[in-house]
């Protein structure tokens, strides 16, 4: 019985260790989005009005003073972080023609909810747009990954909002 318990404990700890990690680097994500021709980065300064809108979308204040992004004539790319349960999750979103064209989990630091990294989940965001600060796509959750799903959904809305904001200027 003790051997079975130890074996199960080992399997559980191995699966938790596999959950955390860098799934894709920022450089690789940007090269994929821009077909190896990555534009120079730009940044948004979160002044009072913009900060208020970002806070409303996320449901809390964004921790940074600036948000970095990359943009060419047709596409913008956003690498944004949001707290899952306890740790930051790094997401990459590409926006083209006011729609999400790419959505990926780049770095996952939590012990649970890592299933959101799979295309079966992330492809739900493709084609999503923002309407009244809500996604037009219905995003199905993942059992045991509720907070990770909420984090990715919030950041998807933020990426769409920010894309619209920089295209107005």
N, C-alpha and C. Protein backbone atom coordinates (compact mmCIF):
# COMPACT_ATOMS: atom_id res chain seq x y z
N UNK A 1 0.83 -1.19 0.00
CA UNK A 1 0.00 0.00 0.00
C UNK A 1 0.87 1.26 0.00
N UNK A 2 1.95 1.21 0.79
CA UNK A 2 2.84 2.35 0.87
C UNK A 2 3.51 2.62 -0.48
N UNK A 3 3.86 1.54 -1.21
CA UNK A 3 4.49 1.70 -2.53
C UNK A 3 3.52 2.34 -3.53
N UNK A 4 2.26 1.94 -3.47
CA UNK A 4 1.26 2.51 -4.37
C UNK A 4 1.09 4.00 -4.07
N UNK A 5 1.01 4.34 -2.80
CA UNK A 5 0.88 5.74 -2.41
C UNK A 5 2.07 6.56 -2.90
N UNK A 6 3.27 6.05 -2.72
CA UNK A 6 4.47 6.75 -3.17
C UNK A 6 4.50 6.89 -4.68
N UNK A 7 4.07 5.86 -5.39
CA UNK A 7 4.03 5.92 -6.85
C UNK A 7 3.03 6.97 -7.32
N UNK A 8 1.85 7.02 -6.69
CA UNK A 8 0.86 8.03 -7.04
C UNK A 8 1.35 9.44 -6.72
N UNK A 9 2.01 9.59 -5.59
CA UNK A 9 2.57 10.88 -5.20
C UNK A 9 3.62 11.33 -6.21
N UNK A 10 4.45 10.41 -6.66
CA UNK A 10 5.47 10.72 -7.65
C UNK A 10 4.84 11.14 -8.98
N UNK A 11 3.83 10.40 -9.42
CA UNK A 11 3.14 10.76 -10.67
C UNK A 11 2.47 12.12 -10.57
N UNK A 12 1.84 12.40 -9.43
CA UNK A 12 1.19 13.69 -9.21
C UNK A 12 2.20 14.82 -9.24
N UNK A 13 3.31 14.67 -8.56
CA UNK A 13 4.31 15.73 -8.53
C UNK A 13 4.97 15.91 -9.89
N UNK A 14 5.13 14.84 -10.65
CA UNK A 14 5.69 14.96 -12.01
C UNK A 14 4.75 15.74 -12.91
N UNK A 15 3.44 15.49 -12.81
CA UNK A 15 2.48 16.20 -13.66
C UNK A 15 2.43 17.67 -13.29
N UNK A 16 2.58 18.00 -12.00
CA UNK A 16 2.62 19.40 -11.59
C UNK A 16 3.87 20.08 -12.12
N UNK A 17 4.97 19.40 -12.10
CA UNK A 17 6.22 19.97 -12.60
C UNK A 17 6.15 20.22 -14.10
N UNK A 18 5.44 19.35 -14.82
CA UNK A 18 5.30 19.52 -16.26
C UNK A 18 4.38 20.68 -16.60
N UNK A 19 3.48 21.05 -15.67
CA UNK A 19 2.53 22.12 -15.93
C UNK A 19 3.22 23.46 -16.05
N UNK A 20 4.19 23.72 -15.21
CA UNK A 20 4.88 25.00 -15.20
C UNK A 20 5.92 25.03 -16.30
N UNK A 21 6.11 26.23 -16.85
CA UNK A 21 7.21 26.36 -17.79
C UNK A 21 6.94 27.33 -18.91
N UNK A 22 7.96 27.49 -19.74
CA UNK A 22 7.88 28.33 -20.93
C UNK A 22 7.44 27.44 -22.07
N UNK A 23 6.27 27.71 -22.59
CA UNK A 23 5.75 26.92 -23.71
C UNK A 23 6.23 27.49 -25.04
N UNK A 24 6.38 28.82 -25.08
CA UNK A 24 6.88 29.47 -26.28
C UNK A 24 7.52 30.79 -25.85
N UNK A 25 8.66 31.12 -26.42
CA UNK A 25 9.33 32.37 -26.07
C UNK A 25 8.62 33.54 -26.75
N UNK A 26 8.84 34.72 -26.20
CA UNK A 26 8.31 35.94 -26.79
C UNK A 26 8.81 36.08 -28.23
N UNK A 27 10.09 35.83 -28.42
CA UNK A 27 10.70 35.95 -29.75
C UNK A 27 10.04 35.00 -30.76
N UNK A 28 9.82 33.76 -30.37
CA UNK A 28 9.20 32.77 -31.26
C UNK A 28 7.76 33.17 -31.59
N UNK A 29 7.03 33.61 -30.57
CA UNK A 29 5.65 34.05 -30.79
C UNK A 29 5.60 35.20 -31.80
N UNK A 30 6.44 36.21 -31.59
CA UNK A 30 6.44 37.37 -32.48
C UNK A 30 6.88 37.00 -33.89
N UNK A 31 7.87 36.12 -34.02
CA UNK A 31 8.29 35.66 -35.34
C UNK A 31 7.18 34.90 -36.05
N UNK A 32 6.41 34.12 -35.30
CA UNK A 32 5.27 33.41 -35.88
C UNK A 32 4.19 34.39 -36.36
N UNK A 33 3.89 35.38 -35.52
CA UNK A 33 2.84 36.35 -35.85
C UNK A 33 3.21 37.17 -37.07
N UNK A 34 4.46 37.64 -37.12
CA UNK A 34 4.88 38.55 -38.17
C UNK A 34 5.72 37.88 -39.26
N UNK A 35 5.66 36.57 -39.33
CA UNK A 35 6.35 35.81 -40.38
C UNK A 35 7.83 36.20 -40.48
N UNK A 36 8.51 36.17 -39.34
CA UNK A 36 9.95 36.45 -39.24
C UNK A 36 10.33 37.91 -39.51
N UNK A 37 9.36 38.80 -39.65
CA UNK A 37 9.63 40.21 -39.93
C UNK A 37 9.01 41.07 -38.83
N UNK A 38 9.54 40.95 -37.62
CA UNK A 38 8.96 41.59 -36.44
C UNK A 38 9.24 43.09 -36.45
N UNK A 39 8.18 43.91 -36.35
CA UNK A 39 8.39 45.36 -36.28
C UNK A 39 8.97 45.75 -34.92
N UNK A 40 9.48 46.96 -34.84
CA UNK A 40 10.00 47.47 -33.57
C UNK A 40 8.85 47.56 -32.56
N UNK A 41 9.18 47.35 -31.31
CA UNK A 41 8.15 47.44 -30.28
C UNK A 41 7.77 48.89 -30.03
N UNK A 42 6.55 49.08 -29.60
CA UNK A 42 6.04 50.37 -29.19
C UNK A 42 5.45 50.18 -27.80
N UNK A 43 5.09 51.28 -27.15
CA UNK A 43 4.48 51.11 -25.83
C UNK A 43 3.40 52.16 -25.59
N UNK A 44 2.44 51.77 -24.81
CA UNK A 44 1.36 52.65 -24.39
C UNK A 44 1.62 53.06 -22.95
N UNK A 45 1.56 54.33 -22.69
CA UNK A 45 1.66 54.84 -21.33
C UNK A 45 0.25 54.82 -20.75
N UNK A 46 0.10 54.17 -19.61
CA UNK A 46 -1.23 54.05 -19.01
C UNK A 46 -1.57 55.31 -18.22
N UNK A 47 -2.05 56.32 -18.96
CA UNK A 47 -2.51 57.55 -18.33
C UNK A 47 -3.89 57.32 -17.74
N UNK A 48 -4.41 58.30 -17.05
CA UNK A 48 -5.62 58.13 -16.25
C UNK A 48 -6.81 57.54 -17.00
N UNK A 49 -7.17 58.08 -18.17
CA UNK A 49 -8.33 57.57 -18.90
C UNK A 49 -8.10 56.15 -19.41
N UNK A 50 -6.94 55.91 -19.99
CA UNK A 50 -6.62 54.57 -20.49
C UNK A 50 -6.50 53.59 -19.32
N UNK A 51 -5.87 54.00 -18.24
CA UNK A 51 -5.75 53.13 -17.06
C UNK A 51 -7.13 52.75 -16.52
N UNK A 52 -8.05 53.70 -16.50
CA UNK A 52 -9.41 53.42 -16.01
C UNK A 52 -10.10 52.36 -16.88
N UNK A 53 -9.93 52.47 -18.20
CA UNK A 53 -10.53 51.48 -19.10
C UNK A 53 -9.91 50.10 -18.91
N UNK A 54 -8.59 50.06 -18.77
CA UNK A 54 -7.89 48.80 -18.55
C UNK A 54 -8.33 48.17 -17.24
N UNK A 55 -8.47 48.98 -16.20
CA UNK A 55 -8.92 48.49 -14.89
C UNK A 55 -10.32 47.91 -14.99
N UNK A 56 -11.18 48.56 -15.74
CA UNK A 56 -12.56 48.07 -15.90
C UNK A 56 -12.57 46.71 -16.60
N UNK A 57 -11.75 46.55 -17.62
CA UNK A 57 -11.71 45.28 -18.36
C UNK A 57 -11.17 44.15 -17.49
N UNK A 58 -10.07 44.42 -16.77
CA UNK A 58 -9.43 43.38 -15.96
C UNK A 58 -10.14 43.13 -14.63
N UNK A 59 -10.83 44.15 -14.14
CA UNK A 59 -11.46 44.03 -12.83
C UNK A 59 -10.50 44.38 -11.70
N UNK A 60 -9.32 44.87 -12.06
CA UNK A 60 -8.32 45.33 -11.09
C UNK A 60 -7.32 46.21 -11.83
N UNK A 61 -6.53 46.93 -11.08
CA UNK A 61 -5.53 47.82 -11.65
C UNK A 61 -4.41 47.01 -12.31
N UNK A 62 -3.99 47.43 -13.50
CA UNK A 62 -2.85 46.80 -14.19
C UNK A 62 -1.58 47.22 -13.47
N UNK A 63 -0.68 46.29 -13.25
CA UNK A 63 0.49 46.57 -12.41
C UNK A 63 1.53 47.47 -13.04
N UNK A 64 1.64 47.48 -14.34
CA UNK A 64 2.70 48.27 -14.99
C UNK A 64 2.27 49.68 -15.33
N UNK A 65 3.24 50.50 -15.72
CA UNK A 65 2.97 51.86 -16.17
C UNK A 65 2.84 51.93 -17.68
N UNK A 66 3.42 50.94 -18.36
CA UNK A 66 3.40 50.88 -19.82
C UNK A 66 3.03 49.48 -20.26
N UNK A 67 2.45 49.41 -21.45
CA UNK A 67 2.15 48.13 -22.08
C UNK A 67 2.85 48.13 -23.44
N UNK A 68 3.72 47.15 -23.63
CA UNK A 68 4.48 47.03 -24.87
C UNK A 68 3.68 46.23 -25.89
N UNK A 69 3.83 46.64 -27.16
CA UNK A 69 3.16 45.92 -28.25
C UNK A 69 3.97 46.07 -29.53
N UNK A 70 3.59 45.28 -30.54
CA UNK A 70 4.23 45.29 -31.84
C UNK A 70 3.13 45.45 -32.87
N UNK A 71 3.39 46.25 -33.92
CA UNK A 71 2.33 46.52 -34.89
C UNK A 71 2.92 46.77 -36.26
N UNK A 72 2.30 46.16 -37.27
CA UNK A 72 2.60 46.50 -38.66
C UNK A 72 1.31 47.03 -39.28
N UNK A 73 1.22 47.08 -40.59
CA UNK A 73 0.04 47.65 -41.26
C UNK A 73 -1.26 46.91 -40.92
N UNK A 74 -1.19 45.62 -40.72
CA UNK A 74 -2.42 44.84 -40.59
C UNK A 74 -2.60 44.12 -39.26
N UNK A 75 -1.54 43.97 -38.48
CA UNK A 75 -1.60 43.12 -37.29
C UNK A 75 -0.92 43.79 -36.12
N UNK A 76 -1.49 43.56 -34.94
CA UNK A 76 -0.81 43.96 -33.71
C UNK A 76 -0.62 42.71 -32.85
N UNK A 77 0.44 42.71 -32.07
CA UNK A 77 0.73 41.59 -31.18
C UNK A 77 0.89 42.14 -29.77
N UNK A 78 0.34 41.41 -28.83
CA UNK A 78 0.33 41.81 -27.43
C UNK A 78 0.80 40.66 -26.57
N UNK A 79 1.78 40.91 -25.75
CA UNK A 79 2.23 39.91 -24.78
C UNK A 79 1.89 40.50 -23.42
N UNK A 80 0.90 39.87 -22.78
CA UNK A 80 0.32 40.40 -21.56
C UNK A 80 0.33 39.35 -20.47
N UNK A 81 0.37 39.81 -19.24
CA UNK A 81 0.36 38.88 -18.10
C UNK A 81 -0.85 39.14 -17.22
N UNK A 82 -1.33 38.06 -16.64
CA UNK A 82 -2.45 38.15 -15.71
C UNK A 82 -2.30 37.05 -14.66
N UNK A 83 -2.77 37.33 -13.48
CA UNK A 83 -2.73 36.34 -12.39
C UNK A 83 -3.78 35.27 -12.65
N UNK A 84 -3.36 34.01 -12.49
CA UNK A 84 -4.30 32.91 -12.53
C UNK A 84 -4.91 32.80 -11.14
N UNK A 85 -4.40 31.88 -10.35
CA UNK A 85 -4.81 31.80 -8.95
C UNK A 85 -3.83 32.58 -8.09
N UNK A 86 -2.55 32.22 -8.19
CA UNK A 86 -1.53 32.87 -7.37
C UNK A 86 -0.39 33.47 -8.18
N UNK A 87 -0.17 32.96 -9.38
CA UNK A 87 1.01 33.34 -10.16
C UNK A 87 0.61 33.97 -11.49
N UNK A 88 1.55 34.69 -12.09
CA UNK A 88 1.31 35.28 -13.40
C UNK A 88 1.33 34.22 -14.50
N UNK A 89 0.49 34.42 -15.48
CA UNK A 89 0.47 33.63 -16.70
C UNK A 89 0.75 34.62 -17.82
N UNK A 90 1.65 34.28 -18.73
CA UNK A 90 1.99 35.16 -19.85
C UNK A 90 1.28 34.65 -21.10
N UNK A 91 0.54 35.55 -21.75
CA UNK A 91 -0.24 35.22 -22.93
C UNK A 91 0.25 36.02 -24.13
N UNK A 92 0.11 35.45 -25.30
CA UNK A 92 0.39 36.16 -26.55
C UNK A 92 -0.87 36.19 -27.39
N UNK A 93 -1.25 37.39 -27.83
CA UNK A 93 -2.41 37.56 -28.70
C UNK A 93 -2.01 38.36 -29.93
N UNK A 94 -2.49 37.94 -31.07
CA UNK A 94 -2.34 38.71 -32.31
C UNK A 94 -3.73 39.14 -32.73
N UNK A 95 -3.84 40.41 -33.14
CA UNK A 95 -5.12 40.97 -33.55
C UNK A 95 -4.98 41.44 -35.01
N UNK A 96 -5.91 41.00 -35.83
CA UNK A 96 -5.92 41.40 -37.24
C UNK A 96 -7.36 41.72 -37.62
N UNK A 97 -7.57 42.90 -38.19
CA UNK A 97 -8.91 43.33 -38.59
C UNK A 97 -9.90 43.25 -37.43
N UNK A 98 -9.47 43.71 -36.26
CA UNK A 98 -10.29 43.78 -35.05
C UNK A 98 -10.73 42.42 -34.52
N UNK A 99 -10.03 41.36 -34.94
CA UNK A 99 -10.34 40.00 -34.50
C UNK A 99 -9.08 39.33 -34.01
N UNK A 100 -9.22 38.43 -33.07
CA UNK A 100 -8.08 37.64 -32.59
C UNK A 100 -7.70 36.65 -33.69
N UNK A 101 -6.44 36.73 -34.11
CA UNK A 101 -5.97 35.80 -35.13
C UNK A 101 -5.03 34.74 -34.55
N UNK A 102 -4.53 34.99 -33.36
CA UNK A 102 -3.65 34.03 -32.69
C UNK A 102 -3.77 34.24 -31.18
N UNK A 103 -3.85 33.15 -30.43
CA UNK A 103 -3.96 33.21 -28.97
C UNK A 103 -3.16 32.04 -28.39
N UNK A 104 -2.20 32.37 -27.54
CA UNK A 104 -1.35 31.32 -26.99
C UNK A 104 -0.97 31.61 -25.54
N UNK A 105 -0.76 30.54 -24.80
CA UNK A 105 -0.17 30.64 -23.47
C UNK A 105 1.34 30.51 -23.68
N UNK A 106 2.08 31.53 -23.29
CA UNK A 106 3.52 31.51 -23.51
C UNK A 106 4.27 30.97 -22.29
N UNK A 107 3.92 31.46 -21.11
CA UNK A 107 4.57 31.00 -19.88
C UNK A 107 3.50 30.73 -18.84
N UNK A 108 3.57 29.55 -18.25
CA UNK A 108 2.61 29.17 -17.21
C UNK A 108 3.36 28.89 -15.92
N UNK A 109 2.96 29.57 -14.85
CA UNK A 109 3.67 29.46 -13.58
C UNK A 109 2.84 28.82 -12.47
N UNK A 110 1.58 28.55 -12.73
CA UNK A 110 0.69 27.95 -11.74
C UNK A 110 0.90 26.44 -11.65
N UNK A 111 0.35 25.84 -10.61
CA UNK A 111 0.42 24.38 -10.49
C UNK A 111 -0.83 23.72 -11.06
N UNK A 112 -1.87 24.50 -11.28
CA UNK A 112 -3.11 23.96 -11.85
C UNK A 112 -3.58 24.84 -13.00
N UNK A 113 -4.36 24.26 -13.86
CA UNK A 113 -4.96 25.02 -14.94
C UNK A 113 -4.14 25.05 -16.22
N UNK A 114 -3.04 24.31 -16.26
CA UNK A 114 -2.15 24.32 -17.42
C UNK A 114 -2.81 23.79 -18.69
N UNK A 115 -3.96 23.15 -18.57
CA UNK A 115 -4.63 22.60 -19.75
C UNK A 115 -5.04 23.69 -20.74
N UNK A 116 -5.06 24.94 -20.31
CA UNK A 116 -5.43 26.02 -21.22
C UNK A 116 -4.39 26.24 -22.32
N UNK A 117 -3.23 25.61 -22.19
CA UNK A 117 -2.18 25.79 -23.20
C UNK A 117 -2.50 25.05 -24.51
N UNK A 118 -3.38 24.08 -24.45
CA UNK A 118 -3.64 23.25 -25.62
C UNK A 118 -4.51 23.96 -26.66
N UNK A 119 -4.24 23.72 -27.94
CA UNK A 119 -5.05 24.32 -29.01
C UNK A 119 -6.55 24.03 -28.89
N UNK A 120 -6.91 22.92 -28.30
CA UNK A 120 -8.33 22.63 -28.11
C UNK A 120 -9.02 23.73 -27.32
N UNK A 121 -8.26 24.38 -26.44
CA UNK A 121 -8.81 25.50 -25.68
C UNK A 121 -8.53 26.83 -26.39
N UNK A 122 -7.29 27.09 -26.76
CA UNK A 122 -6.91 28.42 -27.27
C UNK A 122 -7.58 28.78 -28.59
N UNK A 123 -7.90 27.79 -29.42
CA UNK A 123 -8.53 28.10 -30.71
C UNK A 123 -9.94 28.68 -30.55
N UNK A 124 -10.53 28.53 -29.38
CA UNK A 124 -11.84 29.13 -29.15
C UNK A 124 -11.80 30.65 -29.27
N UNK A 125 -10.62 31.24 -29.05
CA UNK A 125 -10.48 32.69 -29.09
C UNK A 125 -10.35 33.23 -30.52
N UNK A 126 -9.95 32.38 -31.45
CA UNK A 126 -9.70 32.83 -32.82
C UNK A 126 -11.00 33.35 -33.44
N UNK A 127 -10.90 34.55 -34.00
CA UNK A 127 -12.08 35.20 -34.59
C UNK A 127 -12.86 36.05 -33.60
N UNK A 128 -12.49 35.97 -32.33
CA UNK A 128 -13.19 36.75 -31.31
C UNK A 128 -13.01 38.24 -31.49
N UNK A 129 -14.06 38.97 -31.19
CA UNK A 129 -14.06 40.41 -31.25
C UNK A 129 -14.56 40.95 -29.92
N UNK A 130 -14.47 42.26 -29.77
CA UNK A 130 -14.94 42.90 -28.55
C UNK A 130 -16.21 43.68 -28.86
N UNK A 131 -17.25 43.43 -28.08
CA UNK A 131 -18.51 44.15 -28.21
C UNK A 131 -18.99 44.49 -26.81
N UNK A 132 -19.09 45.78 -26.51
CA UNK A 132 -19.47 46.24 -25.17
C UNK A 132 -18.60 45.62 -24.08
N UNK A 133 -17.30 45.62 -24.34
CA UNK A 133 -16.29 45.07 -23.41
C UNK A 133 -16.47 43.59 -23.12
N UNK A 134 -17.13 42.87 -24.00
CA UNK A 134 -17.29 41.42 -23.88
C UNK A 134 -16.82 40.76 -25.17
N UNK A 135 -16.30 39.55 -25.04
CA UNK A 135 -15.92 38.77 -26.22
C UNK A 135 -17.15 38.29 -26.97
N UNK A 136 -17.07 38.31 -28.29
CA UNK A 136 -18.18 37.79 -29.08
C UNK A 136 -18.17 36.27 -29.11
N UNK A 137 -17.03 35.68 -28.78
CA UNK A 137 -16.91 34.22 -28.76
C UNK A 137 -17.37 33.68 -27.41
N UNK A 138 -18.04 32.56 -27.43
CA UNK A 138 -18.36 31.85 -26.20
C UNK A 138 -17.17 30.96 -25.87
N UNK A 139 -16.57 31.15 -24.71
CA UNK A 139 -15.39 30.38 -24.33
C UNK A 139 -15.80 29.32 -23.32
N UNK A 140 -15.67 28.06 -23.72
CA UNK A 140 -15.96 26.95 -22.81
C UNK A 140 -14.82 26.80 -21.83
N UNK A 141 -15.14 26.59 -20.58
CA UNK A 141 -14.13 26.43 -19.54
C UNK A 141 -13.44 25.08 -19.59
N UNK A 142 -12.50 24.93 -18.69
CA UNK A 142 -11.76 23.68 -18.54
C UNK A 142 -11.89 23.29 -17.07
N UNK A 143 -12.35 22.09 -16.81
CA UNK A 143 -12.50 21.63 -15.44
C UNK A 143 -11.17 21.72 -14.70
N UNK A 144 -11.19 22.38 -13.55
CA UNK A 144 -9.99 22.53 -12.74
C UNK A 144 -9.11 23.70 -13.16
N UNK A 145 -9.53 24.45 -14.18
CA UNK A 145 -8.71 25.56 -14.67
C UNK A 145 -9.51 26.86 -14.74
N UNK A 146 -10.51 26.98 -13.90
CA UNK A 146 -11.41 28.13 -13.97
C UNK A 146 -10.68 29.46 -13.91
N UNK A 147 -9.77 29.62 -12.97
CA UNK A 147 -9.07 30.90 -12.82
C UNK A 147 -8.14 31.17 -13.99
N UNK A 148 -7.54 30.14 -14.53
CA UNK A 148 -6.68 30.30 -15.72
C UNK A 148 -7.52 30.70 -16.93
N UNK A 149 -8.70 30.12 -17.06
CA UNK A 149 -9.62 30.46 -18.15
C UNK A 149 -10.04 31.92 -18.02
N UNK A 150 -10.41 32.33 -16.81
CA UNK A 150 -10.81 33.72 -16.58
C UNK A 150 -9.67 34.68 -16.92
N UNK A 151 -8.44 34.30 -16.53
CA UNK A 151 -7.28 35.15 -16.80
C UNK A 151 -7.10 35.32 -18.31
N UNK A 152 -7.16 34.24 -19.06
CA UNK A 152 -6.95 34.32 -20.51
C UNK A 152 -8.08 35.10 -21.18
N UNK A 153 -9.29 34.91 -20.72
CA UNK A 153 -10.43 35.63 -21.28
C UNK A 153 -10.31 37.13 -21.03
N UNK A 154 -9.90 37.50 -19.83
CA UNK A 154 -9.71 38.93 -19.51
C UNK A 154 -8.63 39.55 -20.38
N UNK A 155 -7.53 38.83 -20.55
CA UNK A 155 -6.43 39.36 -21.34
C UNK A 155 -6.80 39.42 -22.83
N UNK A 156 -7.61 38.49 -23.30
CA UNK A 156 -8.08 38.55 -24.69
C UNK A 156 -8.89 39.82 -24.91
N UNK A 157 -9.77 40.14 -23.97
CA UNK A 157 -10.55 41.38 -24.07
C UNK A 157 -9.64 42.59 -24.04
N UNK A 158 -8.63 42.54 -23.18
CA UNK A 158 -7.69 43.66 -23.08
C UNK A 158 -6.93 43.84 -24.38
N UNK A 159 -6.44 42.77 -24.98
CA UNK A 159 -5.69 42.87 -26.24
C UNK A 159 -6.57 43.47 -27.34
N UNK A 160 -7.82 43.06 -27.43
CA UNK A 160 -8.74 43.62 -28.43
C UNK A 160 -9.00 45.10 -28.18
N UNK A 161 -9.20 45.46 -26.92
CA UNK A 161 -9.43 46.87 -26.57
C UNK A 161 -8.21 47.71 -26.92
N UNK A 162 -7.01 47.24 -26.55
CA UNK A 162 -5.80 48.00 -26.81
C UNK A 162 -5.52 48.14 -28.30
N UNK A 163 -5.81 47.09 -29.07
CA UNK A 163 -5.66 47.17 -30.52
C UNK A 163 -6.56 48.27 -31.08
N UNK A 164 -7.80 48.30 -30.64
CA UNK A 164 -8.72 49.36 -31.10
C UNK A 164 -8.20 50.73 -30.67
N UNK A 165 -7.67 50.81 -29.47
CA UNK A 165 -7.16 52.08 -28.96
C UNK A 165 -5.98 52.59 -29.81
N UNK A 166 -5.03 51.76 -30.11
CA UNK A 166 -3.86 52.22 -30.88
C UNK A 166 -4.23 52.50 -32.34
N UNK A 167 -5.27 51.86 -32.85
CA UNK A 167 -5.68 52.11 -34.23
C UNK A 167 -6.52 53.38 -34.36
N UNK A 168 -7.02 53.93 -33.25
CA UNK A 168 -7.74 55.20 -33.26
C UNK A 168 -6.79 56.38 -33.32
N UNK A 169 -5.59 56.19 -32.76
CA UNK A 169 -4.65 57.30 -32.65
C UNK A 169 -4.07 57.70 -33.97
